[in-house]
Amino acid sequence: NGITATNINQMLADVLTKVLGTQV
């Protein structure tokens, strides 16, 4: 809940997509 109360999960997901690319 602490994670979802912020935008962390989206930020980490954005980092992941930058590493893997916008299409995987």
PDB file of all heavy atoms in Angstrom:
ATOM      1  N   ASN A   1       0.826  -1.205   0.000  1.00  0.00           N
ATOM      2  CA  ASN A   1       0.000   0.000   0.000  1.00  0.00           C
ATOM      3  C   ASN A   1       0.860   1.254   0.000  1.00  0.00           C
ATOM      4  O   ASN A   1       0.520   2.263  -0.628  1.00  0.00           O
ATOM      5  CB  ASN A   1      -0.934   0.005   1.216  1.00  0.00           C
ATOM      6  CG  ASN A   1      -2.058  -0.996   1.092  1.00  0.00           C
ATOM      7  OD1 ASN A   1      -2.368  -1.447  -0.010  1.00  0.00           O
ATOM      8  ND2 ASN A   1      -2.665  -1.354   2.204  1.00  0.00           N
ATOM      9  N   GLY A   2       1.988   1.197   0.743  1.00  0.00           N
ATOM     10  CA  GLY A   2       2.901   2.328   0.758  1.00  0.00           C
ATOM     11  C   GLY A   2       3.482   2.595  -0.618  1.00  0.00           C
ATOM     12  O   GLY A   2       3.689   3.751  -1.015  1.00  0.00           O
ATOM     13  N   ILE A   3       3.745   1.510  -1.352  1.00  0.00           N
ATOM     14  CA  ILE A   3       4.271   1.657  -2.716  1.00  0.00           C
ATOM     15  C   ILE A   3       3.208   2.238  -3.641  1.00  0.00           C
ATOM     16  O   ILE A   3       3.466   3.166  -4.408  1.00  0.00           O
ATOM     17  CB  ILE A   3       4.755   0.292  -3.243  1.00  0.00           C
ATOM     18  CG1 ILE A   3       5.979  -0.174  -2.442  1.00  0.00           C
ATOM     19  CG2 ILE A   3       5.099   0.367  -4.729  1.00  0.00           C
ATOM     20  CD1 ILE A   3       6.417  -1.580  -2.769  1.00  0.00           C
ATOM     21  N   THR A   4       1.998   1.694  -3.556  1.00  0.00           N
ATOM     22  CA  THR A   4       0.938   2.131  -4.464  1.00  0.00           C
ATOM     23  C   THR A   4       0.418   3.528  -4.109  1.00  0.00           C
ATOM     24  O   THR A   4      -0.195   4.192  -4.953  1.00  0.00           O
ATOM     25  CB  THR A   4      -0.243   1.137  -4.445  1.00  0.00           C
ATOM     26  OG1 THR A   4      -0.680   0.949  -3.092  1.00  0.00           O
ATOM     27  CG2 THR A   4       0.171  -0.198  -5.025  1.00  0.00           C
ATOM     28  N   ALA A   5       0.641   3.970  -2.850  1.00  0.00           N
ATOM     29  CA  ALA A   5       0.225   5.326  -2.473  1.00  0.00           C
ATOM     30  C   ALA A   5       1.065   6.374  -3.192  1.00  0.00           C
ATOM     31  O   ALA A   5       0.659   7.533  -3.322  1.00  0.00           O
ATOM     32  CB  ALA A   5       0.342   5.510  -0.958  1.00  0.00           C
ATOM     33  N   THR A   6       2.234   5.981  -3.652  1.00  0.00           N
ATOM     34  CA  THR A   6       3.085   6.858  -4.459  1.00  0.00           C
ATOM     35  C   THR A   6       3.042   6.363  -5.907  1.00  0.00           C
ATOM     36  O   THR A   6       2.199   5.583  -6.279  1.00  0.00           O
ATOM     37  CB  THR A   6       4.531   6.828  -3.935  1.00  0.00           C
ATOM     38  OG1 THR A   6       5.058   5.506  -4.109  1.00  0.00           O
ATOM     39  CG2 THR A   6       4.587   7.184  -2.464  1.00  0.00           C
ATOM     40  N   ASN A   7       3.984   6.803  -6.678  1.00  0.00           N
ATOM     41  CA  ASN A   7       4.030   6.404  -8.090  1.00  0.00           C
ATOM     42  C   ASN A   7       5.234   5.497  -8.355  1.00  0.00           C
ATOM     43  O   ASN A   7       5.715   5.405  -9.484  1.00  0.00           O
ATOM     44  CB  ASN A   7       4.102   7.660  -8.973  1.00  0.00           C
ATOM     45  CG  ASN A   7       3.613   7.392 -10.381  1.00  0.00           C
ATOM     46  OD1 ASN A   7       2.722   6.565 -10.591  1.00  0.00           O
ATOM     47  ND2 ASN A   7       4.204   8.078 -11.355  1.00  0.00           N
ATOM     48  N   ILE A   8       5.723   4.819  -7.285  1.00  0.00           N
ATOM     49  CA  ILE A   8       6.962   4.050  -7.409  1.00  0.00           C
ATOM     50  C   ILE A   8       6.833   2.918  -8.408  1.00  0.00           C
ATOM     51  O   ILE A   8       7.712   2.720  -9.256  1.00  0.00           O
ATOM     52  CB  ILE A   8       7.382   3.457  -6.046  1.00  0.00           C
ATOM     53  CG1 ILE A   8       7.803   4.564  -5.108  1.00  0.00           C
ATOM     54  CG2 ILE A   8       8.545   2.500  -6.212  1.00  0.00           C
ATOM     55  CD1 ILE A   8       8.191   4.065  -3.756  1.00  0.00           C
ATOM     56  N   ASN A   9       5.754   2.144  -8.270  1.00  0.00           N
ATOM     57  CA  ASN A   9       5.627   0.987  -9.150  1.00  0.00           C
ATOM     58  C   ASN A   9       5.632   1.397 -10.613  1.00  0.00           C
ATOM     59  O   ASN A   9       6.185   0.719 -11.472  1.00  0.00           O
ATOM     60  CB  ASN A   9       4.366   0.191  -8.811  1.00  0.00           C
ATOM     61  CG  ASN A   9       3.096   0.996  -8.978  1.00  0.00           C
ATOM     62  OD1 ASN A   9       2.920   1.998  -8.296  1.00  0.00           O
ATOM     63  ND2 ASN A   9       2.218   0.560  -9.855  1.00  0.00           N
ATOM     64  N   GLN A  10       5.020   2.562 -10.894  1.00  0.00           N
ATOM     65  CA  GLN A  10       5.013   3.049 -12.277  1.00  0.00           C
ATOM     66  C   GLN A  10       6.414   3.505 -12.687  1.00  0.00           C
ATOM     67  O   GLN A  10       6.848   3.255 -13.820  1.00  0.00           O
ATOM     68  CB  GLN A  10       4.022   4.198 -12.413  1.00  0.00           C
ATOM     69  CG  GLN A  10       3.608   4.525 -13.840  1.00  0.00           C
ATOM     70  CD  GLN A  10       2.906   3.379 -14.514  1.00  0.00           C
ATOM     71  OE1 GLN A  10       2.016   2.785 -13.947  1.00  0.00           O
ATOM     72  NE2 GLN A  10       3.352   3.030 -15.712  1.00  0.00           N
ATOM     73  N   MET A  11       7.125   4.143 -11.744  1.00  0.00           N
ATOM     74  CA  MET A  11       8.491   4.592 -12.036  1.00  0.00           C
ATOM     75  C   MET A  11       9.406   3.412 -12.329  1.00  0.00           C
ATOM     76  O   MET A  11      10.178   3.426 -13.296  1.00  0.00           O
ATOM     77  CB  MET A  11       9.038   5.399 -10.846  1.00  0.00           C
ATOM     78  CG  MET A  11       8.385   6.754 -10.638  1.00  0.00           C
ATOM     79  SD  MET A  11       8.848   7.501  -9.043  1.00  0.00           S
ATOM     80  CE  MET A  11      10.635   7.483  -9.153  1.00  0.00           C
ATOM     81  N   LEU A  12       9.321   2.377 -11.492  1.00  0.00           N
ATOM     82  CA  LEU A  12      10.164   1.194 -11.695  1.00  0.00           C
ATOM     83  C   LEU A  12       9.785   0.472 -12.984  1.00  0.00           C
ATOM     84  O   LEU A  12      10.647  -0.051 -13.689  1.00  0.00           O
ATOM     85  CB  LEU A  12      10.038   0.256 -10.496  1.00  0.00           C
ATOM     86  CG  LEU A  12      10.589   0.783  -9.172  1.00  0.00           C
ATOM     87  CD1 LEU A  12      10.292  -0.185  -8.042  1.00  0.00           C
ATOM     88  CD2 LEU A  12      12.092   1.030  -9.273  1.00  0.00           C
ATOM     89  N   ALA A  13       8.495   0.448 -13.264  1.00  0.00           N
ATOM     90  CA  ALA A  13       8.052  -0.154 -14.521  1.00  0.00           C
ATOM     91  C   ALA A  13       8.590   0.632 -15.711  1.00  0.00           C
ATOM     92  O   ALA A  13       8.976   0.048 -16.735  1.00  0.00           O
ATOM     93  CB  ALA A  13       6.528  -0.219 -14.568  1.00  0.00           C
ATOM     94  N   ASP A  14       8.626   1.973 -15.586  1.00  0.00           N
ATOM     95  CA  ASP A  14       9.184   2.808 -16.660  1.00  0.00           C
ATOM     96  C   ASP A  14      10.662   2.507 -16.870  1.00  0.00           C
ATOM     97  O   ASP A  14      11.145   2.440 -18.011  1.00  0.00           O
ATOM     98  CB  ASP A  14       9.006   4.290 -16.323  1.00  0.00           C
ATOM     99  CG  ASP A  14       7.559   4.735 -16.432  1.00  0.00           C
ATOM    100  OD1 ASP A  14       6.788   4.042 -17.132  1.00  0.00           O
ATOM    101  OD2 ASP A  14       7.195   5.757 -15.817  1.00  0.00           O
ATOM    102  N   VAL A  15      11.400   2.316 -15.754  1.00  0.00           N
ATOM    103  CA  VAL A  15      12.821   1.963 -15.855  1.00  0.00           C
ATOM    104  C   VAL A  15      12.977   0.629 -16.576  1.00  0.00           C
ATOM    105  O   VAL A  15      13.843   0.466 -17.451  1.00  0.00           O
ATOM    106  CB  VAL A  15      13.459   1.896 -14.449  1.00  0.00           C
ATOM    107  CG1 VAL A  15      14.874   1.327 -14.538  1.00  0.00           C
ATOM    108  CG2 VAL A  15      13.479   3.267 -13.802  1.00  0.00           C
ATOM    109  N   LEU A  16      12.123  -0.323 -16.211  1.00  0.00           N
ATOM    110  CA  LEU A  16      12.178  -1.643 -16.839  1.00  0.00           C
ATOM    111  C   LEU A  16      11.916  -1.557 -18.338  1.00  0.00           C
ATOM    112  O   LEU A  16      12.607  -2.191 -19.147  1.00  0.00           O
ATOM    113  CB  LEU A  16      11.157  -2.571 -16.178  1.00  0.00           C
ATOM    114  CG  LEU A  16      11.124  -4.025 -16.665  1.00  0.00           C
ATOM    115  CD1 LEU A  16      12.448  -4.715 -16.369  1.00  0.00           C
ATOM    116  CD2 LEU A  16       9.982  -4.794 -15.992  1.00  0.00           C
ATOM    117  N   THR A  17      10.935  -0.747 -18.708  1.00  0.00           N
ATOM    118  CA  THR A  17      10.615  -0.620 -20.137  1.00  0.00           C
ATOM    119  C   THR A  17      11.723   0.105 -20.895  1.00  0.00           C
ATOM    120  O   THR A  17      11.928  -0.153 -22.094  1.00  0.00           O
ATOM    121  CB  THR A  17       9.285   0.127 -20.334  1.00  0.00           C
ATOM    122  OG1 THR A  17       9.334   1.382 -19.644  1.00  0.00           O
ATOM    123  CG2 THR A  17       8.125  -0.683 -19.800  1.00  0.00           C
ATOM    124  N   LYS A  18      12.434   0.999 -20.214  1.00  0.00           N
ATOM    125  CA  LYS A  18      13.571   1.660 -20.882  1.00  0.00           C
ATOM    126  C   LYS A  18      14.695   0.667 -21.153  1.00  0.00           C
ATOM    127  O   LYS A  18      15.383   0.734 -22.163  1.00  0.00           O
ATOM    128  CB  LYS A  18      14.076   2.813 -20.008  1.00  0.00           C
ATOM    129  CG  LYS A  18      13.179   4.034 -20.034  1.00  0.00           C
ATOM    130  CD  LYS A  18      13.746   5.153 -19.174  1.00  0.00           C
ATOM    131  CE  LYS A  18      12.811   6.361 -19.180  1.00  0.00           C
ATOM    132  NZ  LYS A  18      13.318   7.454 -18.309  1.00  0.00           N
ATOM    133  N   VAL A  19      14.886  -0.266 -20.196  1.00  0.00           N
ATOM    134  CA  VAL A  19      15.923  -1.284 -20.371  1.00  0.00           C
ATOM    135  C   VAL A  19      15.533  -2.272 -21.470  1.00  0.00           C
ATOM    136  O   VAL A  19      16.350  -2.635 -22.328  1.00  0.00           O
ATOM    137  CB  VAL A  19      16.168  -2.034 -19.047  1.00  0.00           C
ATOM    138  CG1 VAL A  19      17.130  -3.205 -19.262  1.00  0.00           C
ATOM    139  CG2 VAL A  19      16.715  -1.086 -17.989  1.00  0.00           C
ATOM    140  N   LEU A  20      14.273  -2.701 -21.438  1.00  0.00           N
ATOM    141  CA  LEU A  20      13.809  -3.710 -22.405  1.00  0.00           C
ATOM    142  C   LEU A  20      13.328  -3.107 -23.717  1.00  0.00           C
ATOM    143  O   LEU A  20      13.220  -3.825 -24.718  1.00  0.00           O
ATOM    144  CB  LEU A  20      12.672  -4.537 -21.783  1.00  0.00           C
ATOM    145  CG  LEU A  20      13.017  -5.353 -20.535  1.00  0.00           C
ATOM    146  CD1 LEU A  20      11.770  -6.052 -20.007  1.00  0.00           C
ATOM    147  CD2 LEU A  20      14.110  -6.375 -20.842  1.00  0.00           C
ATOM    148  N   GLY A  21      13.015  -1.802 -23.688  1.00  0.00           N
ATOM    149  CA  GLY A  21      12.449  -1.177 -24.880  1.00  0.00           C
ATOM    150  C   GLY A  21      10.947  -1.040 -24.751  1.00  0.00           C
ATOM    151  O   GLY A  21      10.314  -1.649 -23.888  1.00  0.00           O
ATOM    152  N   THR A  22      10.366  -0.244 -25.606  1.00  0.00           N
ATOM    153  CA  THR A  22       8.923  -0.007 -25.552  1.00  0.00           C
ATOM    154  C   THR A  22       8.131  -1.186 -26.086  1.00  0.00           C
ATOM    155  O   THR A  22       6.934  -1.295 -25.830  1.00  0.00           O
ATOM    156  CB  THR A  22       8.565   1.253 -26.356  1.00  0.00           C
ATOM    157  OG1 THR A  22       9.084   1.110 -27.695  1.00  0.00           O
ATOM    158  CG2 THR A  22       9.160   2.491 -25.720  1.00  0.00           C
ATOM    159  N   GLN A  23       8.787  -2.057 -26.816  1.00  0.00           N
ATOM    160  CA  GLN A  23       8.121  -3.258 -27.330  1.00  0.00           C
ATOM    161  C   GLN A  23       8.947  -4.468 -26.912  1.00  0.00           C
ATOM    162  O   GLN A  23      10.160  -4.506 -27.127  1.00  0.00           O
ATOM    163  CB  GLN A  23       8.048  -3.202 -28.858  1.00  0.00           C
ATOM    164  CG  GLN A  23       7.322  -1.987 -29.373  1.00  0.00           C
ATOM    165  CD  GLN A  23       5.984  -2.342 -30.012  1.00  0.00           C
ATOM    166  OE1 GLN A  23       5.781  -3.453 -30.423  1.00  0.00           O
ATOM    167  NE2 GLN A  23       5.094  -1.383 -30.070  1.00  0.00           N
ATOM    168  N   VAL A  24       8.288  -5.418 -26.304  1.00  0.00           N
ATOM    169  CA  VAL A  24       8.993  -6.619 -25.863  1.00  0.00           C
ATOM    170  C   VAL A  24       8.098  -7.828 -26.105  1.00  0.00           C
ATOM    171  O   VAL A  24       6.869  -7.751 -25.991  1.00  0.00           O
ATOM    172  CB  VAL A  24       9.378  -6.524 -24.363  1.00  0.00           C
ATOM    173  CG1 VAL A  24       8.153  -6.469 -23.488  1.00  0.00           C
ATOM    174  CG2 VAL A  24      10.271  -7.675 -23.957  1.00  0.00           C
TER     175      VAL A  24
END
